[in-house]
Amino acid sequence: MSIAHRVPDLGALELLLAVARHGSLGRAAREVGITQPAASSRIRSMERQLGVALVDRSPRGSRLTDAGTLVTDWARRVVEAAEAFDVGAQALRDRRDSRLRVAASMTIAEYLLPGWLIALRAERPDTAVSLQAGNSAAVAERLLAGEADLGYVEGLAVPDGLDSAVVAHDRLVVVAAPSHRWARRRGTVGAAELAATPLILREYGSGTRQVLDAALAEYGGLADPLLELASTTAVKAAAVSGAGPAVLSELAVTEELASRRLVEVPVESVRLHRALRAVWPTGPLPTGPARDLLSLARG
């Protein structure tokens, strides 16, 4: 039989110590926050478990037996050890809660995370946050290597070894400078033409590239890129310069479309929608600041 079945629980030991201090089962019950009948039942249960009488009850109060006095001395040491354990565990929680390491794919890092982190700052002003931005594949690698507490990705699938929750949805748009022929045409661009046209693209491993690859796979896949760049900002700048058309998150080009530095090119027969996900290593939900940031992102 394990020791947990042979030794009274902490609640019972704390009650016994309260009886020793007050000399009254009723006052001891009030101190630990239970009724007197519940306290009597707990003392009797402890006596049966240990096989000895611990408390003599009389109209004048409750007095420890000789065995009860000895057990109380032992109980005090157990409770003190439990209190030290609790203090140590709280120190670990405080250290964990003092920092948060976030890894996020580029679009989320640039256009969504700032708002979430400002809200987190209001709730946890003492938590220091570090943010590592990269493509979705790099986010997964950092989480699996223990280099991040929570991640955000834009790809179609969740990498092996990670659990996830959808926090938002996004639409990819084809954009071009106003001078580009696609921006001036009256009709739409077909899926086959989009697939056959060299585009300004994000690198392999990015969520944007994954969605585009999947959407155009049945049309022969993407043509060789006109340019392949490692950040949303770089892709956008190249498109604004007139180098060629690009595919970007709608979140990333709101200002450029409003100012007409870029024009959205309508495309038919291609679905360019994706879920944005929070990810963490497979297992329990994140705790501490990571849990709070996840809740803020999910709204």
Foldseek 3Di string as FASTA:
>chain_A
DDVVQLADDLLLLQLLLLCAVPLALQRSCVVSPHHSVVSVVSQVVRCVSNVHRAWDQDPVGIDGDPVNVVVNVVSVVVVVVVVVVVVVVVVVQVVVQQEFEEEEEFLCVVQPVVVLVVVLCVVRVRHHYDYHYFAQQVRVVCQVVVNGAKYKHWAADDDPQKDKDFLFKWFKFKKAFCPDPLVPDDDAAELLNQQQDAEEEEDPRHRQQRLQQVQNVVSVGHDHHPHYDGHPVVRVVCRLVGSHMYIDIPSSCVPCCVVRSMDTGHYPPTGGMTTMIMMHGPDDDGDHSSNSSVVSSND
